[in-house]
PDB file of N, CA and C in Angstrom:
ATOM      1  N   MET A   1    -128.066  89.049 -98.172  1.00  0.00           N
ATOM      2  CA  MET A   1    -127.438  90.150 -98.877  1.00  0.00           C
ATOM      3  C   MET A   1    -128.503  90.889 -99.689  1.00  0.00           C
ATOM      4  N   ALA A   2    -128.372  92.170 -99.801  1.00  0.00           N
ATOM      5  CA  ALA A   2    -129.357  92.998-100.486  1.00  0.00           C
ATOM      6  C   ALA A   2    -129.265  92.816-101.998  1.00  0.00           C
ATOM      7  N   ASP A   3    -130.404  92.938-102.630  1.00  0.00           N
ATOM      8  CA  ASP A   3    -130.501  92.841-104.079  1.00  0.00           C
ATOM      9  C   ASP A   3    -129.901  94.098-104.720  1.00  0.00           C
ATOM     10  N   GLU A   4    -129.377  93.949-105.936  1.00  0.00           N
ATOM     11  CA  GLU A   4    -128.782  95.104-106.636  1.00  0.00           C
ATOM     12  C   GLU A   4    -129.820  96.208-106.873  1.00  0.00           C
ATOM     13  N   GLY A   5    -131.061  95.826-107.157  1.00  0.00           N
ATOM     14  CA  GLY A   5    -132.115  96.820-107.353  1.00  0.00           C
ATOM     15  C   GLY A   5    -132.414  97.594-106.089  1.00  0.00           C
ATOM     16  N   THR A   6    -132.366  96.914-104.951  1.00  0.00           N
ATOM     17  CA  THR A   6    -132.596  97.578-103.667  1.00  0.00           C
ATOM     18  C   THR A   6    -131.486  98.572-103.365  1.00  0.00           C
ATOM     19  N   MET A   7    -130.250  98.158-103.614  1.00  0.00           N
ATOM     20  CA  MET A   7    -129.129  99.068-103.369  1.00  0.00           C
ATOM     21  C   MET A   7    -129.204 100.275-104.301  1.00  0.00           C
ATOM     22  N   ASN A   8    -129.650 100.067-105.536  1.00  0.00           N
ATOM     23  CA  ASN A   8    -129.786 101.172-106.475  1.00  0.00           C
ATOM     24  C   ASN A   8    -130.842 102.162-105.973  1.00  0.00           C
ATOM     25  N   CYS A   9    -131.948 101.667-105.430  1.00  0.00           N
ATOM     26  CA  CYS A   9    -132.992 102.546-104.886  1.00  0.00           C
ATOM     27  C   CYS A   9    -132.472 103.336-103.688  1.00  0.00           C
ATOM     28  N   ILE A  10    -131.715 102.679-102.829  1.00  0.00           N
ATOM     29  CA  ILE A  10    -131.142 103.363-101.670  1.00  0.00           C
ATOM     30  C   ILE A  10    -130.166 104.445-102.131  1.00  0.00           C
ATOM     31  N   ASP A  11    -129.338 104.137-103.135  1.00  0.00           N
ATOM     32  CA  ASP A  11    -128.406 105.131-103.665  1.00  0.00           C
ATOM     33  C   ASP A  11    -129.148 106.328-104.254  1.00  0.00           C
ATOM     34  N   ILE A  12    -130.242 106.090-104.947  1.00  0.00           N
ATOM     35  CA  ILE A  12    -131.013 107.189-105.540  1.00  0.00           C
ATOM     36  C   ILE A  12    -131.655 108.044-104.450  1.00  0.00           C
ATOM     37  N   LEU A  13    -132.187 107.409-103.405  1.00  0.00           N
ATOM     38  CA  LEU A  13    -132.768 108.191-102.299  1.00  0.00           C
ATOM     39  C   LEU A  13    -131.706 109.049-101.615  1.00  0.00           C
ATOM     40  N   LEU A  14    -130.517 108.496-101.417  1.00  0.00           N
ATOM     41  CA  LEU A  14    -129.430 109.290-100.838  1.00  0.00           C
ATOM     42  C   LEU A  14    -129.014 110.410-101.778  1.00  0.00           C
ATOM     43  N   ALA A  15    -129.065 110.147-103.083  1.00  0.00           N
ATOM     44  CA  ALA A  15    -128.705 111.177-104.060  1.00  0.00           C
ATOM     45  C   ALA A  15    -129.690 112.338-104.036  1.00  0.00           C
ATOM     46  N   ILE A  16    -130.933 112.070-103.715  1.00  0.00           N
ATOM     47  CA  ILE A  16    -131.920 113.148-103.639  1.00  0.00           C
ATOM     48  C   ILE A  16    -131.708 113.968-102.368  1.00  0.00           C
ATOM     49  N   ILE A  17    -131.402 113.292-101.268  1.00  0.00           N
ATOM     50  CA  ILE A  17    -131.204 113.988 -99.994  1.00  0.00           C
ATOM     51  C   ILE A  17    -129.876 114.744 -99.979  1.00  0.00           C
ATOM     52  N   LEU A  18    -128.789 114.061-100.336  1.00  0.00           N
ATOM     53  CA  LEU A  18    -127.460 114.646-100.355  1.00  0.00           C
ATOM     54  C   LEU A  18    -126.709 114.066-101.558  1.00  0.00           C
ATOM     55  N   PRO A  19    -126.749 114.767-102.697  1.00  0.00           N
ATOM     56  CA  PRO A  19    -126.246 114.212-103.949  1.00  0.00           C
ATOM     57  C   PRO A  19    -124.823 113.641-103.904  1.00  0.00           C
ATOM     58  N   PRO A  20    -123.837 114.328-103.321  1.00  0.00           N
ATOM     59  CA  PRO A  20    -122.492 113.746-103.335  1.00  0.00           C
ATOM     60  C   PRO A  20    -122.377 112.435-102.556  1.00  0.00           C
ATOM     61  N   LEU A  21    -123.204 112.246-101.534  1.00  0.00           N
ATOM     62  CA  LEU A  21    -123.137 111.016-100.753  1.00  0.00           C
ATOM     63  C   LEU A  21    -123.539 109.803-101.589  1.00  0.00           C
ATOM     64  N   GLY A  22    -124.611 109.935-102.358  1.00  0.00           N
ATOM     65  CA  GLY A  22    -125.037 108.831-103.215  1.00  0.00           C
ATOM     66  C   GLY A  22    -123.988 108.461-104.244  1.00  0.00           C
ATOM     67  N   VAL A  23    -123.353 109.469-104.835  1.00  0.00           N
ATOM     68  CA  VAL A  23    -122.309 109.220-105.836  1.00  0.00           C
ATOM     69  C   VAL A  23    -121.068 108.642-105.162  1.00  0.00           C
ATOM     70  N   PHE A  24    -120.733 109.117-103.976  1.00  0.00           N
ATOM     71  CA  PHE A  24    -119.566 108.602-103.264  1.00  0.00           C
ATOM     72  C   PHE A  24    -119.728 107.122-102.929  1.00  0.00           C
ATOM     73  N   LEU A  25    -120.912 106.726-102.501  1.00  0.00           N
ATOM     74  CA  LEU A  25    -121.141 105.331-102.159  1.00  0.00           C
ATOM     75  C   LEU A  25    -121.059 104.425-103.382  1.00  0.00           C
ATOM     76  N   LYS A  26    -121.372 104.961-104.551  1.00  0.00           N
ATOM     77  CA  LYS A  26    -121.331 104.163-105.782  1.00  0.00           C
ATOM     78  C   LYS A  26    -119.932 104.122-106.391  1.00  0.00           C
ATOM     79  N   PHE A  27    -119.231 105.268-106.438  1.00  0.00           N
ATOM     80  CA  PHE A  27    -117.970 105.376-107.167  1.00  0.00           C
ATOM     81  C   PHE A  27    -116.752 105.619-106.279  1.00  0.00           C
ATOM     82  N   GLY A  28    -116.949 105.992-105.040  1.00  0.00           N
ATOM     83  CA  GLY A  28    -115.810 106.354-104.211  1.00  0.00           C
ATOM     84  C   GLY A  28    -115.367 107.769-104.536  1.00  0.00           C
ATOM     85  N   CYS A  29    -114.095 108.032-104.371  1.00  0.00           N
ATOM     86  CA  CYS A  29    -113.580 109.394-104.539  1.00  0.00           C
ATOM     87  C   CYS A  29    -113.010 109.594-105.953  1.00  0.00           C
ATOM     88  N   GLN A  30    -113.797 109.210-106.947  1.00  0.00           N
ATOM     89  CA  GLN A  30    -113.374 109.364-108.339  1.00  0.00           C
ATOM     90  C   GLN A  30    -113.913 110.668-108.896  1.00  0.00           C
ATOM     91  N   VAL A  31    -113.702 110.880-110.184  1.00  0.00           N
ATOM     92  CA  VAL A  31    -114.062 112.152-110.805  1.00  0.00           C
ATOM     93  C   VAL A  31    -115.575 112.404-110.755  1.00  0.00           C
ATOM     94  N   GLU A  32    -116.402 111.356-110.785  1.00  0.00           N
ATOM     95  CA  GLU A  32    -117.852 111.545-110.711  1.00  0.00           C
ATOM     96  C   GLU A  32    -118.256 112.217-109.404  1.00  0.00           C
ATOM     97  N   PHE A  33    -117.590 111.838-108.323  1.00  0.00           N
ATOM     98  CA  PHE A  33    -117.877 112.435-107.025  1.00  0.00           C
ATOM     99  C   PHE A  33    -117.559 113.930-107.029  1.00  0.00           C
ATOM    100  N   TRP A  34    -116.407 114.298-107.565  1.00  0.00           N
ATOM    101  CA  TRP A  34    -115.999 115.703-107.551  1.00  0.00           C
ATOM    102  C   TRP A  34    -116.863 116.549-108.475  1.00  0.00           C
ATOM    103  N   ILE A  35    -117.309 115.986-109.588  1.00  0.00           N
ATOM    104  CA  ILE A  35    -118.243 116.711-110.459  1.00  0.00           C
ATOM    105  C   ILE A  35    -119.546 116.960-109.710  1.00  0.00           C
ATOM    106  N   CYS A  36    -120.018 115.954-108.982  1.00  0.00           N
ATOM    107  CA  CYS A  36    -121.256 116.097-108.226  1.00  0.00           C
ATOM    108  C   CYS A  36    -121.116 117.138-107.115  1.00  0.00           C
ATOM    109  N   VAL A  37    -119.971 117.147-106.442  1.00  0.00           N
ATOM    110  CA  VAL A  37    -119.740 118.154-105.396  1.00  0.00           C
ATOM    111  C   VAL A  37    -119.777 119.556-106.004  1.00  0.00           C
ATOM    112  N   LEU A  38    -119.118 119.734-107.133  1.00  0.00           N
ATOM    113  CA  LEU A  38    -119.091 121.042-107.787  1.00  0.00           C
ATOM    114  C   LEU A  38    -120.489 121.482-108.224  1.00  0.00           C
ATOM    115  N   LEU A  39    -121.244 120.570-108.821  1.00  0.00           N
ATOM    116  CA  LEU A  39    -122.598 120.909-109.245  1.00  0.00           C
ATOM    117  C   LEU A  39    -123.506 121.190-108.049  1.00  0.00           C
ATOM    118  N   THR A  40    -123.304 120.488-106.958  1.00  0.00           N
ATOM    119  CA  THR A  40    -124.114 120.727-105.764  1.00  0.00           C
ATOM    120  C   THR A  40    -123.788 122.084-105.142  1.00  0.00           C
ATOM    121  N   ILE A  41    -122.540 122.495-105.226  1.00  0.00           N
ATOM    122  CA  ILE A  41    -122.173 123.828-104.738  1.00  0.00           C
ATOM    123  C   ILE A  41    -122.870 124.908-105.565  1.00  0.00           C
ATOM    124  N   PHE A  42    -122.953 124.687-106.876  1.00  0.00           N
ATOM    125  CA  PHE A  42    -123.624 125.656-107.754  1.00  0.00           C
ATOM    126  C   PHE A  42    -125.135 125.650-107.566  1.00  0.00           C
ATOM    127  N   GLY A  43    -125.671 124.544-107.145  1.00  0.00           N
ATOM    128  CA  GLY A  43    -127.113 124.443-106.922  1.00  0.00           C
ATOM    129  C   GLY A  43    -127.489 123.015-106.590  1.00  0.00           C
ATOM    130  N   TRP A  44    -128.467 122.879-105.714  1.00  0.00           N
ATOM    131  CA  TRP A  44    -128.846 121.556-105.252  1.00  0.00           C
ATOM    132  C   TRP A  44    -129.473 120.727-106.377  1.00  0.00           C
ATOM    133  N   ILE A  45    -130.303 121.354-107.208  1.00  0.00           N
ATOM    134  CA  ILE A  45    -130.996 120.645-108.288  1.00  0.00           C
ATOM    135  C   ILE A  45    -130.005 120.098-109.332  1.00  0.00           C
ATOM    136  N   PRO A  46    -129.024 120.873-109.822  1.00  0.00           N
ATOM    137  CA  PRO A  46    -128.047 120.272-110.747  1.00  0.00           C
ATOM    138  C   PRO A  46    -127.280 119.110-110.119  1.00  0.00           C
ATOM    139  N   GLY A  47    -126.996 119.192-108.839  1.00  0.00           N
ATOM    140  CA  GLY A  47    -126.326 118.097-108.153  1.00  0.00           C
ATOM    141  C   GLY A  47    -127.178 116.842-108.124  1.00  0.00           C
ATOM    142  N   ILE A  48    -128.479 117.009-107.879  1.00  0.00           N
ATOM    143  CA  ILE A  48    -129.391 115.863-107.852  1.00  0.00           C
ATOM    144  C   ILE A  48    -129.497 115.241-109.244  1.00  0.00           C
ATOM    145  N   ILE A  49    -129.648 116.065-110.256  1.00  0.00           N
ATOM    146  CA  ILE A  49    -129.785 115.555-111.623  1.00  0.00           C
ATOM    147  C   ILE A  49    -128.551 114.760-112.017  1.00  0.00           C
ATOM    148  N   TYR A  50    -127.382 115.311-111.752  1.00  0.00           N
ATOM    149  CA  TYR A  50    -126.156 114.595-112.112  1.00  0.00           C
ATOM    150  C   TYR A  50    -125.981 113.327-111.280  1.00  0.00           C
ATOM    151  N   ALA A  51    -126.300 113.372-110.001  1.00  0.00           N
ATOM    152  CA  ALA A  51    -126.150 112.206-109.153  1.00  0.00           C
ATOM    153  C   ALA A  51    -127.039 111.055-109.620  1.00  0.00           C
ATOM    154  N   ILE A  52    -128.282 111.360-109.949  1.00  0.00           N
ATOM    155  CA  ILE A  52    -129.177 110.310-110.425  1.00  0.00           C
ATOM    156  C   ILE A  52    -128.699 109.773-111.770  1.00  0.00           C
ATOM    157  N   TYR A  53    -128.221 110.673-112.630  1.00  0.00           N
ATOM    158  CA  TYR A  53    -127.676 110.225-113.924  1.00  0.00           C
ATOM    159  C   TYR A  53    -126.456 109.325-113.719  1.00  0.00           C
ATOM    160  N   ALA A  54    -125.554 109.717-112.853  1.00  0.00           N
ATOM    161  CA  ALA A  54    -124.329 108.938-112.641  1.00  0.00           C
ATOM    162  C   ALA A  54    -124.636 107.580-112.015  1.00  0.00           C
ATOM    163  N   ILE A  55    -125.588 107.529-111.117  1.00  0.00           N
ATOM    164  CA  ILE A  55    -125.923 106.279-110.445  1.00  0.00           C
ATOM    165  C   ILE A  55    -126.628 105.311-111.390  1.00  0.00           C
ATOM    166  N   THR A  56    -127.497 105.826-112.243  1.00  0.00           N
ATOM    167  CA  THR A  56    -128.289 104.952-113.104  1.00  0.00           C
ATOM    168  C   THR A  56    -127.625 104.608-114.424  1.00  0.00           C
ATOM    169  N   LYS A  57    -126.567 105.300-114.798  1.00  0.00           N
ATOM    170  CA  LYS A  57    -125.958 104.992-116.107  1.00  0.00           C
ATOM    171  C   LYS A  57    -125.200 103.698-116.113  1.00  0.00           C
TER     172      LYS A  57
END
């Protein structure tokens, strides 16, 4: 089974490539995911910043 640190790194890499995907894998279809989708629609960089923040908090 993968280590929690490894999964966190994979989630962060996915968050950089496609921000809502990284948040979805961590939280599912909760409010964090929808905030990330909205921020990504407004701009890719705000989506990445929020996704990394949500994953690491």
